[in-house]
Amino acid sequence: MTDERSVPPLVGSSNGSAEVGTPAALDEKMSDATPLEPLLSPEETAKILSVSTSWLAKARMTGEGPEFVKIGRAIRYRMSSLLKFVQARIEGAEVVNAFGP
């Protein structure tokens, strides 16, 4: 017996790739994606930047702090965002990016 609400079968297109919107298409996208960068809590971020969590919260509200990710009510930071934030504030020296372009 077939349930009409069940997931449709995976269908491939004539070029061998899955059709857009199917679970197979999502699997293809995920296999091409780069792994997620670990996310840091505001407490970890404040410690790395040597600032208080209070300063970090204020900087987030004014837009003066590092880029952040909001997942539900949780605030998280990427290490790459912290590096960009610090590099943008280096004064009096030529900035050399040791992490590539």
PDB file of N, CA and C in Angstrom:
ATOM      1  N   MET A   1       0.844  -1.177   0.000  1.00  0.00           N
ATOM      2  CA  MET A   1       0.000   0.000   0.000  1.00  0.00           C
ATOM      3  C   MET A   1       0.889   1.239   0.000  1.00  0.00           C
ATOM      4  N   THR A   2       0.595   2.196  -0.865  1.00  0.00           N
ATOM      5  CA  THR A   2       1.390   3.406  -0.995  1.00  0.00           C
ATOM      6  C   THR A   2       0.709   4.559  -0.282  1.00  0.00           C
ATOM      7  N   ASP A   3       1.480   5.252   0.542  1.00  0.00           N
ATOM      8  CA  ASP A   3       0.981   6.438   1.239  1.00  0.00           C
ATOM      9  C   ASP A   3       1.276   7.640   0.360  1.00  0.00           C
ATOM     10  N   GLU A   4       0.246   8.437   0.010  1.00  0.00           N
ATOM     11  CA  GLU A   4       0.433   9.585  -0.873  1.00  0.00           C
ATOM     12  C   GLU A   4       1.316  10.657  -0.259  1.00  0.00           C
ATOM     13  N   ARG A   5       1.448  10.660   1.065  1.00  0.00           N
ATOM     14  CA  ARG A   5       2.258  11.661   1.743  1.00  0.00           C
ATOM     15  C   ARG A   5       3.719  11.237   1.857  1.00  0.00           C
ATOM     16  N   SER A   6       4.066  10.095   1.378  1.00  0.00           N
ATOM     17  CA  SER A   6       5.445   9.619   1.501  1.00  0.00           C
ATOM     18  C   SER A   6       6.375  10.433   0.613  1.00  0.00           C
ATOM     19  N   VAL A   7       7.653  10.340   0.905  1.00  0.00           N
ATOM     20  CA  VAL A   7       8.668  11.069   0.155  1.00  0.00           C
ATOM     21  C   VAL A   7       8.724  10.518  -1.256  1.00  0.00           C
ATOM     22  N   PRO A   8       8.749  11.395  -2.281  1.00  0.00           N
ATOM     23  CA  PRO A   8       8.808  10.903  -3.655  1.00  0.00           C
ATOM     24  C   PRO A   8      10.134  10.197  -3.909  1.00  0.00           C
ATOM     25  N   PRO A   9      10.147   9.274  -4.844  1.00  0.00           N
ATOM     26  CA  PRO A   9      11.398   8.579  -5.136  1.00  0.00           C
ATOM     27  C   PRO A   9      12.437   9.546  -5.705  1.00  0.00           C
ATOM     28  N   LEU A  10      13.699   9.220  -5.495  1.00  0.00           N
ATOM     29  CA  LEU A  10      14.769  10.046  -6.025  1.00  0.00           C
ATOM     30  C   LEU A  10      14.819   9.866  -7.533  1.00  0.00           C
ATOM     31  N   VAL A  11      14.838  10.969  -8.233  1.00  0.00           N
ATOM     32  CA  VAL A  11      14.800  10.931  -9.686  1.00  0.00           C
ATOM     33  C   VAL A  11      16.026  11.624 -10.239  1.00  0.00           C
ATOM     34  N   GLY A  12      16.717  10.984 -11.143  1.00  0.00           N
ATOM     35  CA  GLY A  12      17.873  11.596 -11.791  1.00  0.00           C
ATOM     36  C   GLY A  12      17.470  12.212 -13.109  1.00  0.00           C
ATOM     37  N   SER A  13      18.184  13.224 -13.545  1.00  0.00           N
ATOM     38  CA  SER A  13      17.895  13.834 -14.832  1.00  0.00           C
ATOM     39  C   SER A  13      18.690  13.112 -15.908  1.00  0.00           C
ATOM     40  N   SER A  14      18.488  13.517 -17.130  1.00  0.00           N
ATOM     41  CA  SER A  14      19.160  12.848 -18.242  1.00  0.00           C
ATOM     42  C   SER A  14      20.677  13.022 -18.207  1.00  0.00           C
ATOM     43  N   ASN A  15      21.179  14.083 -17.531  1.00  0.00           N
ATOM     44  CA  ASN A  15      22.632  14.271 -17.475  1.00  0.00           C
ATOM     45  C   ASN A  15      23.251  13.576 -16.268  1.00  0.00           C
ATOM     46  N   GLY A  16      22.458  12.786 -15.554  1.00  0.00           N
ATOM     47  CA  GLY A  16      23.002  11.994 -14.454  1.00  0.00           C
ATOM     48  C   GLY A  16      22.954  12.680 -13.102  1.00  0.00           C
ATOM     49  N   SER A  17      22.572  13.962 -13.051  1.00  0.00           N
ATOM     50  CA  SER A  17      22.490  14.636 -11.755  1.00  0.00           C
ATOM     51  C   SER A  17      21.045  14.644 -11.292  1.00  0.00           C
ATOM     52  N   ALA A  18      20.853  14.858 -10.032  1.00  0.00           N
ATOM     53  CA  ALA A  18      19.514  14.843  -9.463  1.00  0.00           C
ATOM     54  C   ALA A  18      18.768  16.123  -9.806  1.00  0.00           C
ATOM     55  N   GLU A  19      17.447  16.020  -9.856  1.00  0.00           N
ATOM     56  CA  GLU A  19      16.626  17.195 -10.116  1.00  0.00           C
ATOM     57  C   GLU A  19      16.624  18.115  -8.910  1.00  0.00           C
ATOM     58  N   VAL A  20      16.507  19.420  -9.177  1.00  0.00           N
ATOM     59  CA  VAL A  20      16.480  20.417  -8.102  1.00  0.00           C
ATOM     60  C   VAL A  20      15.292  20.135  -7.196  1.00  0.00           C
ATOM     61  N   GLY A  21      15.520  20.241  -5.885  1.00  0.00           N
ATOM     62  CA  GLY A  21      14.443  20.055  -4.928  1.00  0.00           C
ATOM     63  C   GLY A  21      14.314  18.632  -4.410  1.00  0.00           C
ATOM     64  N   THR A  22      15.067  17.693  -4.939  1.00  0.00           N
ATOM     65  CA  THR A  22      14.991  16.320  -4.459  1.00  0.00           C
ATOM     66  C   THR A  22      16.054  16.093  -3.394  1.00  0.00           C
ATOM     67  N   PRO A  23      15.864  15.100  -2.547  1.00  0.00           N
ATOM     68  CA  PRO A  23      16.887  14.790  -1.554  1.00  0.00           C
ATOM     69  C   PRO A  23      18.252  14.493  -2.182  1.00  0.00           C
ATOM     70  N   ALA A  24      18.282  13.909  -3.368  1.00  0.00           N
ATOM     71  CA  ALA A  24      19.554  13.626  -4.037  1.00  0.00           C
ATOM     72  C   ALA A  24      20.268  14.924  -4.410  1.00  0.00           C
ATOM     73  N   ALA A  25      19.498  15.953  -4.809  1.00  0.00           N
ATOM     74  CA  ALA A  25      20.106  17.240  -5.164  1.00  0.00           C
ATOM     75  C   ALA A  25      20.738  17.868  -3.932  1.00  0.00           C
ATOM     76  N   LEU A  26      20.082  17.740  -2.784  1.00  0.00           N
ATOM     77  CA  LEU A  26      20.635  18.272  -1.549  1.00  0.00           C
ATOM     78  C   LEU A  26      21.928  17.544  -1.195  1.00  0.00           C
ATOM     79  N   ASP A  27      21.944  16.226  -1.354  1.00  0.00           N
ATOM     80  CA  ASP A  27      23.162  15.453  -1.087  1.00  0.00           C
ATOM     81  C   ASP A  27      24.303  15.908  -1.979  1.00  0.00           C
ATOM     82  N   GLU A  28      24.016  16.215  -3.254  1.00  0.00           N
ATOM     83  CA  GLU A  28      25.057  16.687  -4.168  1.00  0.00           C
ATOM     84  C   GLU A  28      25.619  18.022  -3.704  1.00  0.00           C
ATOM     85  N   LYS A  29      24.746  18.937  -3.286  1.00  0.00           N
ATOM     86  CA  LYS A  29      25.200  20.244  -2.806  1.00  0.00           C
ATOM     87  C   LYS A  29      26.058  20.097  -1.568  1.00  0.00           C
ATOM     88  N   MET A  30      25.645  19.235  -0.641  1.00  0.00           N
ATOM     89  CA  MET A  30      26.380  19.050   0.605  1.00  0.00           C
ATOM     90  C   MET A  30      27.752  18.435   0.350  1.00  0.00           C
ATOM     91  N   SER A  31      27.861  17.561  -0.654  1.00  0.00           N
ATOM     92  CA  SER A  31      29.152  16.933  -0.922  1.00  0.00           C
ATOM     93  C   SER A  31      30.132  17.940  -1.517  1.00  0.00           C
ATOM     94  N   ASP A  32      29.628  18.984  -2.170  1.00  0.00           N
ATOM     95  CA  ASP A  32      30.487  20.020  -2.747  1.00  0.00           C
ATOM     96  C   ASP A  32      30.832  21.108  -1.741  1.00  0.00           C
ATOM     97  N   ALA A  33      30.118  21.167  -0.625  1.00  0.00           N
ATOM     98  CA  ALA A  33      30.308  22.231   0.362  1.00  0.00           C
ATOM     99  C   ALA A  33      31.588  22.003   1.158  1.00  0.00           C
ATOM    100  N   THR A  34      32.182  23.105   1.584  1.00  0.00           N
ATOM    101  CA  THR A  34      33.348  23.001   2.457  1.00  0.00           C
ATOM    102  C   THR A  34      32.861  22.747   3.871  1.00  0.00           C
ATOM    103  N   PRO A  35      33.672  22.097   4.687  1.00  0.00           N
ATOM    104  CA  PRO A  35      33.238  21.832   6.064  1.00  0.00           C
ATOM    105  C   PRO A  35      33.051  23.135   6.826  1.00  0.00           C
ATOM    106  N   LEU A  36      32.115  23.129   7.742  1.00  0.00           N
ATOM    107  CA  LEU A  36      31.849  24.327   8.541  1.00  0.00           C
ATOM    108  C   LEU A  36      33.007  24.629   9.472  1.00  0.00           C
ATOM    109  N   GLU A  37      33.287  25.892   9.589  1.00  0.00           N
ATOM    110  CA  GLU A  37      34.309  26.370  10.513  1.00  0.00           C
ATOM    111  C   GLU A  37      33.726  26.304  11.928  1.00  0.00           C
ATOM    112  N   PRO A  38      34.493  25.839  12.914  1.00  0.00           N
ATOM    113  CA  PRO A  38      33.961  25.815  14.285  1.00  0.00           C
ATOM    114  C   PRO A  38      33.546  27.221  14.733  1.00  0.00           C
ATOM    115  N   LEU A  39      32.466  27.293  15.469  1.00  0.00           N
ATOM    116  CA  LEU A  39      31.956  28.574  15.944  1.00  0.00           C
ATOM    117  C   LEU A  39      32.340  28.780  17.399  1.00  0.00           C
ATOM    118  N   LEU A  40      32.672  30.023  17.735  1.00  0.00           N
ATOM    119  CA  LEU A  40      33.111  30.376  19.080  1.00  0.00           C
ATOM    120  C   LEU A  40      31.992  31.103  19.822  1.00  0.00           C
ATOM    121  N   SER A  41      31.890  30.862  21.114  1.00  0.00           N
ATOM    122  CA  SER A  41      30.907  31.557  21.952  1.00  0.00           C
ATOM    123  C   SER A  41      31.398  32.986  22.202  1.00  0.00           C
ATOM    124  N   PRO A  42      30.515  33.873  22.653  1.00  0.00           N
ATOM    125  CA  PRO A  42      30.955  35.221  23.003  1.00  0.00           C
ATOM    126  C   PRO A  42      32.047  35.217  24.087  1.00  0.00           C
ATOM    127  N   GLU A  43      31.956  34.295  25.037  1.00  0.00           N
ATOM    128  CA  GLU A  43      32.974  34.211  26.089  1.00  0.00           C
ATOM    129  C   GLU A  43      34.338  33.827  25.514  1.00  0.00           C
ATOM    130  N   GLU A  44      34.354  32.844  24.610  1.00  0.00           N
ATOM    131  CA  GLU A  44      35.616  32.436  23.967  1.00  0.00           C
ATOM    132  C   GLU A  44      36.173  33.573  23.115  1.00  0.00           C
ATOM    133  N   THR A  45      35.273  34.253  22.401  1.00  0.00           N
ATOM    134  CA  THR A  45      35.680  35.359  21.537  1.00  0.00           C
ATOM    135  C   THR A  45      36.264  36.505  22.354  1.00  0.00           C
ATOM    136  N   ALA A  46      35.614  36.853  23.450  1.00  0.00           N
ATOM    137  CA  ALA A  46      36.099  37.937  24.312  1.00  0.00           C
ATOM    138  C   ALA A  46      37.484  37.605  24.848  1.00  0.00           C
ATOM    139  N   LYS A  47      37.690  36.366  25.216  1.00  0.00           N
ATOM    140  CA  LYS A  47      38.998  35.956  25.741  1.00  0.00           C
ATOM    141  C   LYS A  47      40.071  36.067  24.654  1.00  0.00           C
ATOM    142  N   ILE A  48      39.756  35.636  23.441  1.00  0.00           N
ATOM    143  CA  ILE A  48      40.714  35.706  22.326  1.00  0.00           C
ATOM    144  C   ILE A  48      41.075  37.153  22.015  1.00  0.00           C
ATOM    145  N   LEU A  49      40.081  38.045  22.023  1.00  0.00           N
ATOM    146  CA  LEU A  49      40.303  39.454  21.683  1.00  0.00           C
ATOM    147  C   LEU A  49      40.768  40.286  22.882  1.00  0.00           C
ATOM    148  N   SER A  50      40.792  39.684  24.048  1.00  0.00           N
ATOM    149  CA  SER A  50      41.161  40.390  25.289  1.00  0.00           C
ATOM    150  C   SER A  50      40.246  41.582  25.558  1.00  0.00           C
ATOM    151  N   VAL A  51      38.957  41.332  25.416  1.00  0.00           N
ATOM    152  CA  VAL A  51      37.942  42.341  25.735  1.00  0.00           C
ATOM    153  C   VAL A  51      36.899  41.683  26.628  1.00  0.00           C
ATOM    154  N   SER A  52      36.022  42.479  27.207  1.00  0.00           N
ATOM    155  CA  SER A  52      34.956  41.919  28.040  1.00  0.00           C
ATOM    156  C   SER A  52      33.793  41.465  27.160  1.00  0.00           C
ATOM    157  N   THR A  53      32.982  40.563  27.691  1.00  0.00           N
ATOM    158  CA  THR A  53      31.789  40.138  26.949  1.00  0.00           C
ATOM    159  C   THR A  53      30.813  41.309  26.820  1.00  0.00           C
ATOM    160  N   SER A  54      30.858  42.229  27.791  1.00  0.00           N
ATOM    161  CA  SER A  54      30.022  43.422  27.739  1.00  0.00           C
ATOM    162  C   SER A  54      30.407  44.294  26.533  1.00  0.00           C
ATOM    163  N   TRP A  55      31.717  44.493  26.340  1.00  0.00           N
ATOM    164  CA  TRP A  55      32.176  45.283  25.194  1.00  0.00           C
ATOM    165  C   TRP A  55      31.753  44.614  23.900  1.00  0.00           C
ATOM    166  N   LEU A  56      31.895  43.295  23.856  1.00  0.00           N
ATOM    167  CA  LEU A  56      31.539  42.541  22.650  1.00  0.00           C
ATOM    168  C   LEU A  56      30.053  42.711  22.331  1.00  0.00           C
ATOM    169  N   ALA A  57      29.200  42.646  23.353  1.00  0.00           N
ATOM    170  CA  ALA A  57      27.757  42.821  23.149  1.00  0.00           C
ATOM    171  C   ALA A  57      27.434  44.229  22.646  1.00  0.00           C
ATOM    172  N   LYS A  58      28.077  45.227  23.227  1.00  0.00           N
ATOM    173  CA  LYS A  58      27.855  46.611  22.778  1.00  0.00           C
ATOM    174  C   LYS A  58      28.343  46.805  21.344  1.00  0.00           C
ATOM    175  N   ALA A  59      29.502  46.235  21.029  1.00  0.00           N
ATOM    176  CA  ALA A  59      30.050  46.353  19.677  1.00  0.00           C
ATOM    177  C   ALA A  59      29.150  45.644  18.665  1.00  0.00           C
ATOM    178  N   ARG A  60      28.510  44.573  19.089  1.00  0.00           N
ATOM    179  CA  ARG A  60      27.572  43.859  18.213  1.00  0.00           C
ATOM    180  C   ARG A  60      26.361  44.735  17.925  1.00  0.00           C
ATOM    181  N   MET A  61      25.873  45.431  18.941  1.00  0.00           N
ATOM    182  CA  MET A  61      24.694  46.283  18.785  1.00  0.00           C
ATOM    183  C   MET A  61      24.976  47.508  17.914  1.00  0.00           C
ATOM    184  N   THR A  62      26.185  48.051  18.005  1.00  0.00           N
ATOM    185  CA  THR A  62      26.531  49.251  17.236  1.00  0.00           C
ATOM    186  C   THR A  62      27.115  48.918  15.865  1.00  0.00           C
ATOM    187  N   GLY A  63      27.414  47.639  15.629  1.00  0.00           N
ATOM    188  CA  GLY A  63      28.001  47.246  14.353  1.00  0.00           C
ATOM    189  C   GLY A  63      29.502  47.456  14.293  1.00  0.00           C
ATOM    190  N   GLU A  64      30.127  47.747  15.424  1.00  0.00           N
ATOM    191  CA  GLU A  64      31.571  48.007  15.462  1.00  0.00           C
ATOM    192  C   GLU A  64      32.399  46.762  15.752  1.00  0.00           C
ATOM    193  N   GLY A  65      31.767  45.655  16.106  1.00  0.00           N
ATOM    194  CA  GLY A  65      32.486  44.434  16.458  1.00  0.00           C
ATOM    195  C   GLY A  65      32.686  43.519  15.265  1.00  0.00           C
ATOM    196  N   PRO A  66      33.260  42.353  15.525  1.00  0.00           N
ATOM    197  CA  PRO A  66      33.463  41.379  14.448  1.00  0.00           C
ATOM    198  C   PRO A  66      32.125  40.819  13.961  1.00  0.00           C
ATOM    199  N   GLU A  67      32.117  40.316  12.723  1.00  0.00           N
ATOM    200  CA  GLU A  67      30.919  39.673  12.189  1.00  0.00           C
ATOM    201  C   GLU A  67      30.536  38.525  13.109  1.00  0.00           C
ATOM    202  N   PHE A  68      29.237  38.297  13.254  1.00  0.00           N
ATOM    203  CA  PHE A  68      28.771  37.210  14.100  1.00  0.00           C
ATOM    204  C   PHE A  68      27.680  36.428  13.404  1.00  0.00           C
ATOM    205  N   VAL A  69      27.405  35.257  13.938  1.00  0.00           N
ATOM    206  CA  VAL A  69      26.368  34.374  13.417  1.00  0.00           C
ATOM    207  C   VAL A  69      25.319  34.243  14.507  1.00  0.00           C
ATOM    208  N   LYS A  70      24.066  34.364  14.138  1.00  0.00           N
ATOM    209  CA  LYS A  70      22.995  34.195  15.107  1.00  0.00           C
ATOM    210  C   LYS A  70      22.216  32.939  14.726  1.00  0.00           C
ATOM    211  N   ILE A  71      22.196  31.988  15.650  1.00  0.00           N
ATOM    212  CA  ILE A  71      21.461  30.746  15.446  1.00  0.00           C
ATOM    213  C   ILE A  71      20.426  30.670  16.565  1.00  0.00           C
ATOM    214  N   GLY A  72      19.186  30.908  16.206  1.00  0.00           N
ATOM    215  CA  GLY A  72      18.157  31.036  17.240  1.00  0.00           C
ATOM    216  C   GLY A  72      18.485  32.261  18.067  1.00  0.00           C
ATOM    217  N   ARG A  73      18.646  32.063  19.363  1.00  0.00           N
ATOM    218  CA  ARG A  73      19.032  33.174  20.239  1.00  0.00           C
ATOM    219  C   ARG A  73      20.529  33.173  20.529  1.00  0.00           C
ATOM    220  N   ALA A  74      21.218  32.158  20.054  1.00  0.00           N
ATOM    221  CA  ALA A  74      22.655  32.027  20.340  1.00  0.00           C
ATOM    222  C   ALA A  74      23.492  32.876  19.385  1.00  0.00           C
ATOM    223  N   ILE A  75      24.484  33.556  19.939  1.00  0.00           N
ATOM    224  CA  ILE A  75      25.429  34.354  19.161  1.00  0.00           C
ATOM    225  C   ILE A  75      26.734  33.564  19.087  1.00  0.00           C
ATOM    226  N   ARG A  76      27.293  33.438  17.895  1.00  0.00           N
ATOM    227  CA  ARG A  76      28.555  32.728  17.695  1.00  0.00           C
ATOM    228  C   ARG A  76      29.425  33.527  16.735  1.00  0.00           C
ATOM    229  N   TYR A  77      30.734  33.282  16.814  1.00  0.00           N
ATOM    230  CA  TYR A  77      31.709  33.980  15.973  1.00  0.00           C
ATOM    231  C   TYR A  77      32.583  32.960  15.255  1.00  0.00           C
ATOM    232  N   ARG A  78      32.948  33.282  14.006  1.00  0.00           N
ATOM    233  CA  ARG A  78      33.904  32.457  13.258  1.00  0.00           C
ATOM    234  C   ARG A  78      35.302  33.011  13.496  1.00  0.00           C
ATOM    235  N   MET A  79      36.280  32.136  13.595  1.00  0.00           N
ATOM    236  CA  MET A  79      37.665  32.568  13.786  1.00  0.00           C
ATOM    237  C   MET A  79      38.100  33.452  12.615  1.00  0.00           C
ATOM    238  N   SER A  80      37.669  33.125  11.418  1.00  0.00           N
ATOM    239  CA  SER A  80      38.048  33.943  10.257  1.00  0.00           C
ATOM    240  C   SER A  80      37.511  35.371  10.393  1.00  0.00           C
ATOM    241  N   SER A  81      36.345  35.544  10.999  1.00  0.00           N
ATOM    242  CA  SER A  81      35.790  36.882  11.229  1.00  0.00           C
ATOM    243  C   SER A  81      36.630  37.646  12.246  1.00  0.00           C
ATOM    244  N   LEU A  82      37.138  36.935  13.250  1.00  0.00           N
ATOM    245  CA  LEU A  82      37.992  37.586  14.249  1.00  0.00           C
ATOM    246  C   LEU A  82      39.306  38.028  13.611  1.00  0.00           C
ATOM    247  N   LEU A  83      39.874  37.190  12.748  1.00  0.00           N
ATOM    248  CA  LEU A  83      41.122  37.550  12.061  1.00  0.00           C
ATOM    249  C   LEU A  83      40.929  38.790  11.194  1.00  0.00           C
ATOM    250  N   LYS A  84      39.823  38.827  10.446  1.00  0.00           N
ATOM    251  CA  LYS A  84      39.522  40.005   9.606  1.00  0.00           C
ATOM    252  C   LYS A  84      39.357  41.256  10.469  1.00  0.00           C
ATOM    253  N   PHE A  85      38.652  41.100  11.576  1.00  0.00           N
ATOM    254  CA  PHE A  85      38.395  42.216  12.484  1.00  0.00           C
ATOM    255  C   PHE A  85      39.711  42.792  13.010  1.00  0.00           C
ATOM    256  N   VAL A  86      40.605  41.934  13.459  1.00  0.00           N
ATOM    257  CA  VAL A  86      41.889  42.383  14.000  1.00  0.00           C
ATOM    258  C   VAL A  86      42.761  42.975  12.895  1.00  0.00           C
ATOM    259  N   GLN A  87      42.832  42.318  11.739  1.00  0.00           N
ATOM    260  CA  GLN A  87      43.664  42.817  10.637  1.00  0.00           C
ATOM    261  C   GLN A  87      43.218  44.190  10.171  1.00  0.00           C
ATOM    262  N   ALA A  88      41.922  44.450  10.210  1.00  0.00           N
ATOM    263  CA  ALA A  88      41.404  45.753   9.783  1.00  0.00           C
ATOM    264  C   ALA A  88      41.787  46.861  10.769  1.00  0.00           C
ATOM    265  N   ARG A  89      42.238  46.470  11.967  1.00  0.00           N
ATOM    266  CA  ARG A  89      42.565  47.459  12.994  1.00  0.00           C
ATOM    267  C   ARG A  89      44.058  47.580  13.278  1.00  0.00           C
ATOM    268  N   ILE A  90      44.879  46.915  12.475  1.00  0.00           N
ATOM    269  CA  ILE A  90      46.326  47.032  12.655  1.00  0.00           C
ATOM    270  C   ILE A  90      46.762  48.383  12.111  1.00  0.00           C
ATOM    271  N   GLU A  91      47.456  49.152  12.933  1.00  0.00           N
ATOM    272  CA  GLU A  91      47.899  50.493  12.546  1.00  0.00           C
ATOM    273  C   GLU A  91      49.417  50.567  12.505  1.00  0.00           C
ATOM    274  N   GLY A  92      49.945  51.361  11.580  1.00  0.00           N
ATOM    275  CA  GLY A  92      51.366  51.663  11.537  1.00  0.00           C
ATOM    276  C   GLY A  92      52.256  50.592  10.942  1.00  0.00           C
ATOM    277  N   ALA A  93      51.687  49.577  10.350  1.00  0.00           N
ATOM    278  CA  ALA A  93      52.507  48.527   9.728  1.00  0.00           C
ATOM    279  C   ALA A  93      51.779  47.991   8.514  1.00  0.00           C
ATOM    280  N   GLU A  94      52.554  47.497   7.568  1.00  0.00           N
ATOM    281  CA  GLU A  94      51.957  46.865   6.398  1.00  0.00           C
ATOM    282  C   GLU A  94      51.409  45.515   6.824  1.00  0.00           C
ATOM    283  N   VAL A  95      50.155  45.243   6.478  1.00  0.00           N
ATOM    284  CA  VAL A  95      49.516  44.001   6.880  1.00  0.00           C
ATOM    285  C   VAL A  95      49.918  42.903   5.904  1.00  0.00           C
ATOM    286  N   VAL A  96      50.451  41.816   6.432  1.00  0.00           N
ATOM    287  CA  VAL A  96      50.813  40.656   5.625  1.00  0.00           C
ATOM    288  C   VAL A  96      49.906  39.523   6.066  1.00  0.00           C
ATOM    289  N   ASN A  97      49.150  38.961   5.133  1.00  0.00           N
ATOM    290  CA  ASN A  97      48.232  37.894   5.458  1.00  0.00           C
ATOM    291  C   ASN A  97      48.945  36.556   5.369  1.00  0.00           C
ATOM    292  N   ALA A  98      49.210  35.952   6.506  1.00  0.00           N
ATOM    293  CA  ALA A  98      49.902  34.674   6.546  1.00  0.00           C
ATOM    294  C   ALA A  98      48.970  33.519   6.209  1.00  0.00           C
ATOM    295  N   PHE A  99      47.677  33.798   6.046  1.00  0.00           N
ATOM    296  CA  PHE A  99      46.705  32.742   5.798  1.00  0.00           C
ATOM    297  C   PHE A  99      46.280  32.670   4.333  1.00  0.00           C
ATOM    298  N   GLY A 100      46.968  33.353   3.462  1.00  0.00           N
ATOM    299  CA  GLY A 100      46.644  33.310   2.043  1.00  0.00           C
ATOM    300  C   GLY A 100      45.888  34.543   1.603  1.00  0.00           C
ATOM    301  N   PRO A 101      45.426  34.558   0.357  1.00  0.00           N
ATOM    302  CA  PRO A 101      44.757  35.750  -0.181  1.00  0.00           C
ATOM    303  C   PRO A 101      43.444  36.063   0.469  1.00  0.00           C
TER     304      PRO A 101
END
